[in-house]
Amino acid sequence: MDIRALQYFLAVIRLGTVGAAAEAHFVTQPAVSAQLKRLEGEVGERLFERRGRRLAPTAAGRLLAAHADDVVRRMGELEAAMQGLRGLETGTLRVGTIDAASVYVLPEVYREFHARYPGITVEIVVGDSRHLLDALRRGDVELATMTLPVDEPGLTVRRIYREELVPVAQPGHPLARARRVALDDLCAAGLITYPDGATSRRLLEQVFATHGAALRSRMDISSPEAIRALTEAGLGVSILPRPVVAGALGRTLAELRLPPGVRFFRDIGVVRRDGAPQSPAGRAFLDLVERAFQ
C-alpha cells in the first residue's frame, strides 16, 4: 500500500470530505479520489459510505484505519530517523583499531568527531590486525585502523601515519649502558615482542633479516601496553612504537642505541571493504582522519 494513499485515507476520516483532505495535503481532489479508489481495489472492500455531505468509514474502513494510523506514524518515525542519519544527527559507527592507534594516534580524531557529531555513537573494537581483518570481512566494523601492509584483495587501504619503533629496557639494564646494542644482543637479553604472524612482528623480522640477524623472542604478547609493562618490570627488552614509550623514557625505560642504519618503522592505515556501503558517519570519520594526518 502506498503511504500517501493511507495518509489521504486517514485525512478523509478525520476531516469528513475529499476536498478537505486534498486541501490539507495541498493536492487536488482528483488526486485524493484516485488514491482512495486504488486503495479500495487493494483492500477489495468499500472504505467509505456517504452520510449527507460527509463520508463515513465502513466496517472495512474502520478496520483499516485502526492499523493505518500506526503504519503512517511508524513510517514518519523511520523517515525522520533516516534524515537524522543522513544529516549525522543520530546513529552508530563501529570502527576497529589496533591497541596503540586507539590510545596514541586517534584520540584527537575521536574528540573532534564527537564535538562535531554528538548524536553519533562510536563503538570501538580493539584487536590486532588479524582480528580486525576478520571483523571487516564479517561486517562487524565499517572501518579499521591497523598496521600495514595489508595484502588482501577486496580491501581499500589508505596510509595515514608512519611511526618509529624503538628498542627499550629498564634504565638499570646492562644494555642501557652500552654504546651500541647489536640485534643479536636484544634477543640474548630476552626480547618481549608481538606474536608470531602479527604484522608488526613480521616488520621487525624483516629488519633483523636485512642486517643478518634472526629474531628470537622470550615472550610473545599482542598488547604493546602489556609489553611495555613487562619491560618496565625487568622481564626483558622490547621494540615498541615511540608513542607507546615516550612518556616512560628517562623514567622507567631507557632507549637503547642501535648500530647506525638500523631503524624500525611501521605504517598505520585505515582499511575498509570494497563495495561495502559506507555510512555518512563513516565518511565523516574517514575525512577527519585524513585531515589529521595529511
C-alpha atoms as a PDB file:
ATOM      1  CA  MET A   1       0.000   0.000   0.000  1.00  0.00           C
ATOM      2  CA  ASP A   2       1.160   3.481  -0.891  1.00  0.00           C
ATOM      3  CA  ILE A   3       1.905   5.542   2.218  1.00  0.00           C
ATOM      4  CA  ARG A   4       0.346   8.592   0.549  1.00  0.00           C
ATOM      5  CA  ALA A   5      -2.897   6.711  -0.018  1.00  0.00           C
ATOM      6  CA  LEU A   6      -3.015   5.837   3.680  1.00  0.00           C
ATOM      7  CA  GLN A   7      -2.337   9.450   4.615  1.00  0.00           C
ATOM      8  CA  TYR A   8      -5.161  10.692   2.351  1.00  0.00           C
ATOM      9  CA  PHE A   9      -7.463   7.951   3.689  1.00  0.00           C
ATOM     10  CA  LEU A  10      -6.851   8.999   7.291  1.00  0.00           C
ATOM     11  CA  ALA A  11      -7.336  12.655   6.379  1.00  0.00           C
ATOM     12  CA  VAL A  12     -10.759  11.910   4.865  1.00  0.00           C
ATOM     13  CA  ILE A  13     -11.780  10.057   8.028  1.00  0.00           C
ATOM     14  CA  ARG A  14     -10.571  12.942  10.190  1.00  0.00           C
ATOM     15  CA  LEU A  15     -11.993  15.791   8.060  1.00  0.00           C
ATOM     16  CA  GLY A  16     -15.048  14.099   6.518  1.00  0.00           C
ATOM     17  CA  THR A  17     -14.635  15.131   2.875  1.00  0.00           C
ATOM     18  CA  VAL A  18     -12.263  14.529  -0.028  1.00  0.00           C
ATOM     19  CA  GLY A  19     -11.999  18.256  -0.612  1.00  0.00           C
ATOM     20  CA  ALA A  20     -10.871  18.978   2.940  1.00  0.00           C
ATOM     21  CA  ALA A  21      -8.332  16.132   2.784  1.00  0.00           C
ATOM     22  CA  ALA A  22      -6.976  17.447  -0.527  1.00  0.00           C
ATOM     23  CA  GLU A  23      -6.655  20.953   0.881  1.00  0.00           C
ATOM     24  CA  ALA A  24      -4.872  19.678   3.978  1.00  0.00           C
ATOM     25  CA  HIS A  25      -2.278  17.885   1.826  1.00  0.00           C
ATOM     26  CA  PHE A  26      -2.005  20.636  -0.826  1.00  0.00           C
ATOM     27  CA  VAL A  27      -3.131  18.347  -3.664  1.00  0.00           C
ATOM     28  CA  THR A  28      -6.164  18.246  -5.939  1.00  0.00           C
ATOM     29  CA  GLN A  29      -9.419  16.423  -5.149  1.00  0.00           C
ATOM     30  CA  PRO A  30      -8.971  14.084  -8.163  1.00  0.00           C
ATOM     31  CA  ALA A  31      -5.547  13.065  -6.809  1.00  0.00           C
ATOM     32  CA  VAL A  32      -7.074  12.094  -3.462  1.00  0.00           C
ATOM     33  CA  SER A  33     -10.017  10.323  -5.118  1.00  0.00           C
ATOM     34  CA  ALA A  34      -7.660   8.312  -7.352  1.00  0.00           C
ATOM     35  CA  GLN A  35      -5.593   7.185  -4.368  1.00  0.00           C
ATOM     36  CA  LEU A  36      -8.710   6.171  -2.414  1.00  0.00           C
ATOM     37  CA  LYS A  37     -10.019   4.197  -5.390  1.00  0.00           C
ATOM     38  CA  ARG A  38      -6.697   2.408  -5.741  1.00  0.00           C
ATOM     39  CA  LEU A  39      -6.700   1.667  -2.012  1.00  0.00           C
ATOM     40  CA  GLU A  40     -10.201   0.174  -2.177  1.00  0.00           C
ATOM     41  CA  GLY A  41      -9.030  -2.006  -5.079  1.00  0.00           C
ATOM     42  CA  GLU A  42      -6.134  -3.326  -2.996  1.00  0.00           C
ATOM     43  CA  VAL A  43      -8.357  -3.980   0.022  1.00  0.00           C
ATOM     44  CA  GLY A  44     -11.220  -5.415  -2.028  1.00  0.00           C
ATOM     45  CA  GLU A  45     -13.834  -3.566   0.027  1.00  0.00           C
ATOM     46  CA  ARG A  46     -15.535  -0.196   0.041  1.00  0.00           C
ATOM     47  CA  LEU A  47     -13.889   2.045   2.623  1.00  0.00           C
ATOM     48  CA  PHE A  48     -16.435   4.899   2.813  1.00  0.00           C
ATOM     49  CA  GLU A  49     -20.158   5.484   2.631  1.00  0.00           C
ATOM     50  CA  ARG A  50     -21.829   8.835   2.185  1.00  0.00           C
ATOM     51  CA  ARG A  51     -23.796  10.322   5.035  1.00  0.00           C
ATOM     52  CA  GLY A  52     -25.189  13.625   3.872  1.00  0.00           C
ATOM     53  CA  ARG A  53     -22.306  15.826   2.817  1.00  0.00           C
ATOM     54  CA  ARG A  54     -19.712  13.826   4.695  1.00  0.00           C
ATOM     55  CA  LEU A  55     -18.020  10.482   4.159  1.00  0.00           C
ATOM     56  CA  ALA A  56     -18.036   7.928   6.962  1.00  0.00           C
ATOM     57  CA  PRO A  57     -15.842   4.819   7.108  1.00  0.00           C
ATOM     58  CA  THR A  58     -17.407   1.431   6.520  1.00  0.00           C
ATOM     59  CA  ALA A  59     -16.561  -1.538   8.733  1.00  0.00           C
ATOM     60  CA  ALA A  60     -13.629  -2.272   6.411  1.00  0.00           C
ATOM     61  CA  GLY A  61     -12.628   1.387   6.590  1.00  0.00           C
ATOM     62  CA  ARG A  62     -12.668   1.392  10.373  1.00  0.00           C
ATOM     63  CA  LEU A  63     -10.579  -1.775  10.452  1.00  0.00           C
ATOM     64  CA  LEU A  64      -8.028  -0.297   8.039  1.00  0.00           C
ATOM     65  CA  ALA A  65      -7.939   2.970   9.970  1.00  0.00           C
ATOM     66  CA  ALA A  66      -7.098   1.106  13.205  1.00  0.00           C
ATOM     67  CA  HIS A  67      -3.897  -0.189  11.571  1.00  0.00           C
ATOM     68  CA  ALA A  68      -3.130   2.581   9.076  1.00  0.00           C
ATOM     69  CA  ASP A  69      -2.605   5.177  11.761  1.00  0.00           C
ATOM     70  CA  ASP A  70       0.168   3.100  13.342  1.00  0.00           C
ATOM     71  CA  VAL A  71       1.741   2.393   9.932  1.00  0.00           C
ATOM     72  CA  VAL A  72       1.811   6.077   8.974  1.00  0.00           C
ATOM     73  CA  ARG A  73       3.238   7.044  12.353  1.00  0.00           C
ATOM     74  CA  ARG A  74       5.982   4.434  12.149  1.00  0.00           C
ATOM     75  CA  MET A  75       6.840   5.433   8.587  1.00  0.00           C
ATOM     76  CA  GLY A  76       7.138   9.016   9.748  1.00  0.00           C
ATOM     77  CA  GLU A  77       9.490   7.957  12.540  1.00  0.00           C
ATOM     78  CA  LEU A  78      11.555   5.933  10.069  1.00  0.00           C
ATOM     79  CA  GLU A  79      11.801   8.851   7.668  1.00  0.00           C
ATOM     80  CA  ALA A  80      12.865  11.158  10.495  1.00  0.00           C
ATOM     81  CA  ALA A  81      15.471   8.639  11.638  1.00  0.00           C
ATOM     82  CA  MET A  82      16.848   8.283   8.108  1.00  0.00           C
ATOM     83  CA  GLN A  83      17.032  12.043   7.735  1.00  0.00           C
ATOM     84  CA  GLY A  84      18.853  12.235  11.053  1.00  0.00           C
ATOM     85  CA  LEU A  85      21.300   9.573   9.897  1.00  0.00           C
ATOM     86  CA  ARG A  86      21.930  11.345   6.617  1.00  0.00           C
ATOM     87  CA  GLY A  87      22.377  14.585   8.500  1.00  0.00           C
ATOM     88  CA  LEU A  88      24.787  12.962  11.013  1.00  0.00           C
ATOM     89  CA  GLU A  89      22.413  13.701  13.869  1.00  0.00           C
ATOM     90  CA  THR A  90      21.870  10.128  15.075  1.00  0.00           C
ATOM     91  CA  GLY A  91      23.280   6.652  14.542  1.00  0.00           C
ATOM     92  CA  THR A  92      26.171   4.360  15.463  1.00  0.00           C
ATOM     93  CA  LEU A  93      29.579   3.986  13.836  1.00  0.00           C
ATOM     94  CA  ARG A  94      31.583   0.823  14.555  1.00  0.00           C
ATOM     95  CA  VAL A  95      35.314   1.133  13.942  1.00  0.00           C
ATOM     96  CA  GLY A  96      38.158  -1.236  14.657  1.00  0.00           C
ATOM     97  CA  THR A  97      41.652  -0.260  15.726  1.00  0.00           C
ATOM     98  CA  ILE A  98      44.864  -1.763  16.960  1.00  0.00           C
ATOM     99  CA  ASP A  99      45.603  -1.040  20.612  1.00  0.00           C
ATOM    100  CA  ALA A 100      48.355   1.551  20.148  1.00  0.00           C
ATOM    101  CA  ALA A 101      46.477   3.522  17.480  1.00  0.00           C
ATOM    102  CA  SER A 102      43.398   3.783  19.668  1.00  0.00           C
ATOM    103  CA  VAL A 103      45.379   5.114  22.619  1.00  0.00           C
ATOM    104  CA  TYR A 104      48.092   7.224  20.981  1.00  0.00           C
ATOM    105  CA  VAL A 105      47.060   8.043  17.403  1.00  0.00           C
ATOM    106  CA  LEU A 106      43.290   8.560  17.231  1.00  0.00           C
ATOM    107  CA  PRO A 107      42.152  10.299  20.462  1.00  0.00           C
ATOM    108  CA  GLU A 108      42.166  13.744  18.843  1.00  0.00           C
ATOM    109  CA  VAL A 109      40.111  12.389  15.942  1.00  0.00           C
ATOM    110  CA  TYR A 110      37.604  10.873  18.371  1.00  0.00           C
ATOM    111  CA  ARG A 111      37.404  14.168  20.260  1.00  0.00           C
ATOM    112  CA  GLU A 112      36.765  16.231  17.121  1.00  0.00           C
ATOM    113  CA  PHE A 113      34.237  13.720  15.771  1.00  0.00           C
ATOM    114  CA  HIS A 114      32.219  13.820  18.992  1.00  0.00           C
ATOM    115  CA  ALA A 115      32.386  17.620  19.049  1.00  0.00           C
ATOM    116  CA  ARG A 116      31.015  17.836  15.505  1.00  0.00           C
ATOM    117  CA  TYR A 117      28.523  14.965  15.644  1.00  0.00           C
ATOM    118  CA  PRO A 118      27.442  14.487  19.274  1.00  0.00           C
ATOM    119  CA  GLY A 119      24.437  12.374  18.268  1.00  0.00           C
ATOM    120  CA  ILE A 120      26.602   9.666  16.670  1.00  0.00           C
ATOM    121  CA  THR A 121      27.783   6.873  18.973  1.00  0.00           C
ATOM    122  CA  VAL A 122      31.239   5.499  18.118  1.00  0.00           C
ATOM    123  CA  GLU A 123      31.727   1.859  19.109  1.00  0.00           C
ATOM    124  CA  ILE A 124      35.414   0.887  19.113  1.00  0.00           C
ATOM    125  CA  VAL A 125      36.603  -2.699  18.637  1.00  0.00           C
ATOM    126  CA  VAL A 126      40.245  -3.136  19.720  1.00  0.00           C
ATOM    127  CA  GLY A 127      42.323  -6.042  18.442  1.00  0.00           C
ATOM    128  CA  ASP A 128      45.378  -6.969  16.419  1.00  0.00           C
ATOM    129  CA  SER A 129      45.390  -6.574  12.648  1.00  0.00           C
ATOM    130  CA  ARG A 130      44.389 -10.191  12.001  1.00  0.00           C
ATOM    131  CA  HIS A 131      41.297  -9.938  14.204  1.00  0.00           C
ATOM    132  CA  LEU A 132      40.369  -6.585  12.693  1.00  0.00           C
ATOM    133  CA  LEU A 133      40.534  -8.064   9.191  1.00  0.00           C
ATOM    134  CA  ASP A 134      38.142 -10.801  10.314  1.00  0.00           C
ATOM    135  CA  ALA A 135      35.803  -8.142  11.731  1.00  0.00           C
ATOM    136  CA  LEU A 136      35.893  -6.269   8.414  1.00  0.00           C
ATOM    137  CA  ARG A 137      35.100  -9.420   6.443  1.00  0.00           C
ATOM    138  CA  ARG A 138      32.103 -10.170   8.687  1.00  0.00           C
ATOM    139  CA  GLY A 139      30.888  -6.584   8.511  1.00  0.00           C
ATOM    140  CA  ASP A 140      31.240  -6.152  12.280  1.00  0.00           C
ATOM    141  CA  VAL A 141      33.137  -2.893  11.739  1.00  0.00           C
ATOM    142  CA  GLU A 142      32.892  -0.356   8.919  1.00  0.00           C
ATOM    143  CA  LEU A 143      36.478   0.898   9.135  1.00  0.00           C
ATOM    144  CA  ALA A 144      39.616  -0.443  10.766  1.00  0.00           C
ATOM    145  CA  THR A 145      42.866   1.324  11.644  1.00  0.00           C
ATOM    146  CA  MET A 146      45.703  -1.184  11.555  1.00  0.00           C
ATOM    147  CA  THR A 147      49.331  -1.896  10.789  1.00  0.00           C
ATOM    148  CA  LEU A 148      50.264  -2.057   7.107  1.00  0.00           C
ATOM    149  CA  PRO A 149      50.845  -3.706   4.745  1.00  0.00           C
ATOM    150  CA  VAL A 150      47.511  -5.414   4.236  1.00  0.00           C
ATOM    151  CA  ASP A 151      47.953  -7.749   1.288  1.00  0.00           C
ATOM    152  CA  GLU A 152      44.418  -8.979   0.748  1.00  0.00           C
ATOM    153  CA  PRO A 153      42.085  -8.470  -2.228  1.00  0.00           C
ATOM    154  CA  GLY A 154      38.768  -6.723  -1.825  1.00  0.00           C
ATOM    155  CA  LEU A 155      40.031  -4.043   0.561  1.00  0.00           C
ATOM    156  CA  THR A 156      40.698  -0.340   0.174  1.00  0.00           C
ATOM    157  CA  VAL A 157      43.726   0.815   2.168  1.00  0.00           C
ATOM    158  CA  ARG A 158      44.697   4.408   2.944  1.00  0.00           C
ATOM    159  CA  ARG A 159      48.022   5.009   4.664  1.00  0.00           C
ATOM    160  CA  ILE A 160      47.689   7.776   7.247  1.00  0.00           C
ATOM    161  CA  TYR A 161      50.626   7.612   9.620  1.00  0.00           C
ATOM    162  CA  ARG A 162      54.188   6.359   9.997  1.00  0.00           C
ATOM    163  CA  GLU A 163      55.771   5.753  13.374  1.00  0.00           C
ATOM    164  CA  GLU A 164      59.165   4.627  14.570  1.00  0.00           C
ATOM    165  CA  LEU A 165      59.600   1.622  16.843  1.00  0.00           C
ATOM    166  CA  VAL A 166      62.450   1.913  19.329  1.00  0.00           C
ATOM    167  CA  PRO A 167      64.302  -0.654  21.474  1.00  0.00           C
ATOM    168  CA  VAL A 168      63.870  -0.096  25.212  1.00  0.00           C
ATOM    169  CA  ALA A 169      64.849  -1.648  28.523  1.00  0.00           C
ATOM    170  CA  GLN A 170      64.873  -0.797  32.213  1.00  0.00           C
ATOM    171  CA  PRO A 171      67.293   2.089  32.915  1.00  0.00           C
ATOM    172  CA  GLY A 172      69.396  -0.256  35.062  1.00  0.00           C
ATOM    173  CA  HIS A 173      69.653  -2.939  32.384  1.00  0.00           C
ATOM    174  CA  PRO A 174      73.230  -3.644  31.143  1.00  0.00           C
ATOM    175  CA  LEU A 175      72.197  -2.857  27.558  1.00  0.00           C
ATOM    176  CA  ALA A 176      71.023   0.604  28.626  1.00  0.00           C
ATOM    177  CA  ARG A 177      74.668   1.484  29.387  1.00  0.00           C
ATOM    178  CA  ALA A 178      76.110   0.049  26.171  1.00  0.00           C
ATOM    179  CA  ARG A 179      77.398   2.414  23.453  1.00  0.00           C
ATOM    180  CA  ARG A 180      75.854   0.200  20.769  1.00  0.00           C
ATOM    181  CA  VAL A 181      73.448  -2.737  21.018  1.00  0.00           C
ATOM    182  CA  ALA A 182      73.511  -5.370  18.288  1.00  0.00           C
ATOM    183  CA  LEU A 183      70.278  -7.042  17.212  1.00  0.00           C
ATOM    184  CA  ASP A 184      71.555 -10.385  18.481  1.00  0.00           C
ATOM    185  CA  ASP A 185      72.136  -8.738  21.875  1.00  0.00           C
ATOM    186  CA  LEU A 186      68.439  -7.824  22.059  1.00  0.00           C
ATOM    187  CA  CYS A 187      67.470 -11.448  21.553  1.00  0.00           C
ATOM    188  CA  ALA A 188      70.057 -12.692  24.043  1.00  0.00           C
ATOM    189  CA  ALA A 189      68.659 -10.282  26.659  1.00  0.00           C
ATOM    190  CA  GLY A 190      65.175 -11.732  26.261  1.00  0.00           C
ATOM    191  CA  LEU A 191      63.076  -9.961  23.648  1.00  0.00           C
ATOM    192  CA  ILE A 192      59.413  -9.409  24.503  1.00  0.00           C
ATOM    193  CA  THR A 193      57.544  -8.802  21.285  1.00  0.00           C
ATOM    194  CA  TYR A 194      54.429  -9.305  19.173  1.00  0.00           C
ATOM    195  CA  PRO A 195      53.083 -12.809  18.440  1.00  0.00           C
ATOM    196  CA  ASP A 196      54.343 -14.858  15.534  1.00  0.00           C
ATOM    197  CA  GLY A 197      52.368 -13.927  12.403  1.00  0.00           C
ATOM    198  CA  ALA A 198      51.382 -10.446  13.604  1.00  0.00           C
ATOM    199  CA  THR A 199      52.062  -7.700  11.064  1.00  0.00           C
ATOM    200  CA  SER A 200      54.320  -5.739  13.441  1.00  0.00           C
ATOM    201  CA  ARG A 201      56.264  -8.919  14.237  1.00  0.00           C
ATOM    202  CA  ARG A 202      56.856  -9.516  10.512  1.00  0.00           C
ATOM    203  CA  LEU A 203      58.127  -5.947  10.080  1.00  0.00           C
ATOM    204  CA  LEU A 204      60.624  -6.437  12.907  1.00  0.00           C
ATOM    205  CA  GLU A 205      61.741  -9.771  11.453  1.00  0.00           C
ATOM    206  CA  GLN A 206      62.392  -8.122   8.087  1.00  0.00           C
ATOM    207  CA  VAL A 207      64.741  -5.562   9.655  1.00  0.00           C
ATOM    208  CA  PHE A 208      66.540  -8.295  11.592  1.00  0.00           C
ATOM    209  CA  ALA A 209      66.963 -10.334   8.398  1.00  0.00           C
ATOM    210  CA  THR A 210      68.198  -7.298   6.427  1.00  0.00           C
ATOM    211  CA  HIS A 211      71.013  -6.898   8.936  1.00  0.00           C
ATOM    212  CA  GLY A 212      71.903 -10.575   9.076  1.00  0.00           C
ATOM    213  CA  ALA A 213      70.156 -11.486  12.332  1.00  0.00           C
ATOM    214  CA  ALA A 214      67.226 -13.710  13.282  1.00  0.00           C
ATOM    215  CA  LEU A 215      64.551 -12.503  15.679  1.00  0.00           C
ATOM    216  CA  ARG A 216      64.142 -14.791  18.689  1.00  0.00           C
ATOM    217  CA  SER A 217      61.691 -13.889  21.416  1.00  0.00           C
ATOM    218  CA  ARG A 218      61.345 -14.732  25.091  1.00  0.00           C
ATOM    219  CA  MET A 219      57.668 -13.743  25.328  1.00  0.00           C
ATOM    220  CA  ASP A 220      55.015 -13.026  22.692  1.00  0.00           C
ATOM    221  CA  ILE A 221      52.147 -10.658  23.579  1.00  0.00           C
ATOM    222  CA  SER A 222      49.591  -8.835  21.417  1.00  0.00           C
ATOM    223  CA  SER A 223      49.218  -5.726  23.580  1.00  0.00           C
ATOM    224  CA  PRO A 224      52.005  -3.114  23.328  1.00  0.00           C
ATOM    225  CA  GLU A 225      50.898  -1.759  26.695  1.00  0.00           C
ATOM    226  CA  ALA A 226      51.484  -5.178  28.265  1.00  0.00           C
ATOM    227  CA  ILE A 227      54.862  -5.475  26.526  1.00  0.00           C
ATOM    228  CA  ARG A 228      55.870  -2.090  27.935  1.00  0.00           C
ATOM    229  CA  ALA A 229      54.755  -3.034  31.457  1.00  0.00           C
ATOM    230  CA  LEU A 230      56.729  -6.275  31.385  1.00  0.00           C
ATOM    231  CA  THR A 231      59.787  -4.448  30.077  1.00  0.00           C
ATOM    232  CA  GLU A 232      59.465  -1.875  32.866  1.00  0.00           C
ATOM    233  CA  ALA A 233      59.293  -4.785  35.324  1.00  0.00           C
ATOM    234  CA  GLY A 234      62.668  -6.039  34.065  1.00  0.00           C
ATOM    235  CA  LEU A 235      61.492  -9.229  32.385  1.00  0.00           C
ATOM    236  CA  GLY A 236      63.342  -8.405  29.182  1.00  0.00           C
ATOM    237  CA  VAL A 237      63.770  -5.810  26.437  1.00  0.00           C
ATOM    238  CA  SER A 238      61.361  -4.792  23.707  1.00  0.00           C
ATOM    239  CA  ILE A 239      60.928  -2.823  20.483  1.00  0.00           C
ATOM    240  CA  LEU A 240      57.828  -0.626  20.709  1.00  0.00           C
ATOM    241  CA  PRO A 241      56.224   2.333  18.898  1.00  0.00           C
ATOM    242  CA  ARG A 242      57.720   5.570  20.149  1.00  0.00           C
ATOM    243  CA  PRO A 243      54.313   6.991  21.197  1.00  0.00           C
ATOM    244  CA  VAL A 244      53.824   3.960  23.465  1.00  0.00           C
ATOM    245  CA  VAL A 245      57.069   4.529  25.374  1.00  0.00           C
ATOM    246  CA  ALA A 246      57.552   8.308  25.029  1.00  0.00           C
ATOM    247  CA  GLY A 247      56.124   9.107  28.476  1.00  0.00           C
ATOM    248  CA  ALA A 248      58.307   6.474  30.171  1.00  0.00           C
ATOM    249  CA  LEU A 249      61.668   7.319  28.573  1.00  0.00           C
ATOM    250  CA  GLY A 250      64.097   8.708  31.130  1.00  0.00           C
ATOM    251  CA  ARG A 251      61.963   7.390  33.978  1.00  0.00           C
ATOM    252  CA  THR A 252      61.023   3.711  33.860  1.00  0.00           C
ATOM    253  CA  LEU A 253      62.509   2.956  30.444  1.00  0.00           C
ATOM    254  CA  ALA A 254      65.711   3.775  28.560  1.00  0.00           C
ATOM    255  CA  GLU A 255      66.052   3.851  24.770  1.00  0.00           C
ATOM    256  CA  LEU A 256      68.807   1.531  23.569  1.00  0.00           C
ATOM    257  CA  ARG A 257      71.365   2.665  20.988  1.00  0.00           C
ATOM    258  CA  LEU A 258      71.409   0.515  17.859  1.00  0.00           C
ATOM    259  CA  PRO A 259      74.154   0.427  15.206  1.00  0.00           C
ATOM    260  CA  PRO A 260      73.996   3.176  12.547  1.00  0.00           C
ATOM    261  CA  GLY A 261      71.407   2.452   9.872  1.00  0.00           C
ATOM    262  CA  VAL A 262      69.354   0.046  11.986  1.00  0.00           C
ATOM    263  CA  ARG A 263      65.885   1.526  12.491  1.00  0.00           C
ATOM    264  CA  PHE A 264      62.363   0.175  12.749  1.00  0.00           C
ATOM    265  CA  PHE A 265      59.248   1.801  11.255  1.00  0.00           C
ATOM    266  CA  ARG A 266      55.680   0.779  10.655  1.00  0.00           C
ATOM    267  CA  ASP A 267      52.848   2.370   8.695  1.00  0.00           C
ATOM    268  CA  ILE A 268      49.317   2.719  10.032  1.00  0.00           C
ATOM    269  CA  GLY A 269      46.369   2.844   7.649  1.00  0.00           C
ATOM    270  CA  VAL A 270      42.592   2.877   7.504  1.00  0.00           C
ATOM    271  CA  VAL A 271      41.074  -0.153   5.790  1.00  0.00           C
ATOM    272  CA  ARG A 272      37.546  -0.848   4.555  1.00  0.00           C
ATOM    273  CA  ARG A 273      35.871  -3.433   2.351  1.00  0.00           C
ATOM    274  CA  ASP A 274      35.465  -2.666  -1.350  1.00  0.00           C
ATOM    275  CA  GLY A 275      31.817  -2.290  -2.311  1.00  0.00           C
ATOM    276  CA  ALA A 276      30.594  -2.247   1.290  1.00  0.00           C
ATOM    277  CA  PRO A 277      28.066   0.539   1.947  1.00  0.00           C
ATOM    278  CA  GLN A 278      29.734   3.474   3.645  1.00  0.00           C
ATOM    279  CA  SER A 279      27.584   5.391   6.077  1.00  0.00           C
ATOM    280  CA  PRO A 280      27.638   9.200   6.281  1.00  0.00           C
ATOM    281  CA  ALA A 281      29.223   8.809   9.723  1.00  0.00           C
ATOM    282  CA  GLY A 282      31.921   6.557   8.259  1.00  0.00           C
ATOM    283  CA  ARG A 283      32.699   9.062   5.531  1.00  0.00           C
ATOM    284  CA  ALA A 284      32.854  11.898   8.067  1.00  0.00           C
ATOM    285  CA  PHE A 285      35.165   9.893  10.359  1.00  0.00           C
ATOM    286  CA  LEU A 286      37.484   8.971   7.487  1.00  0.00           C
ATOM    287  CA  ASP A 287      37.587  12.606   6.379  1.00  0.00           C
ATOM    288  CA  LEU A 288      38.681  13.707   9.878  1.00  0.00           C
ATOM    289  CA  VAL A 289      41.369  11.001   9.982  1.00  0.00           C
ATOM    290  CA  GLU A 290      42.783  12.098   6.635  1.00  0.00           C
ATOM    291  CA  ARG A 291      42.783  15.754   7.690  1.00  0.00           C
ATOM    292  CA  ALA A 292      44.569  14.912  10.941  1.00  0.00           C
ATOM    293  CA  PHE A 293      47.388  13.046   9.195  1.00  0.00           C
ATOM    294  CA  GLN A 294      47.678  14.720   5.802  1.00  0.00           C
END
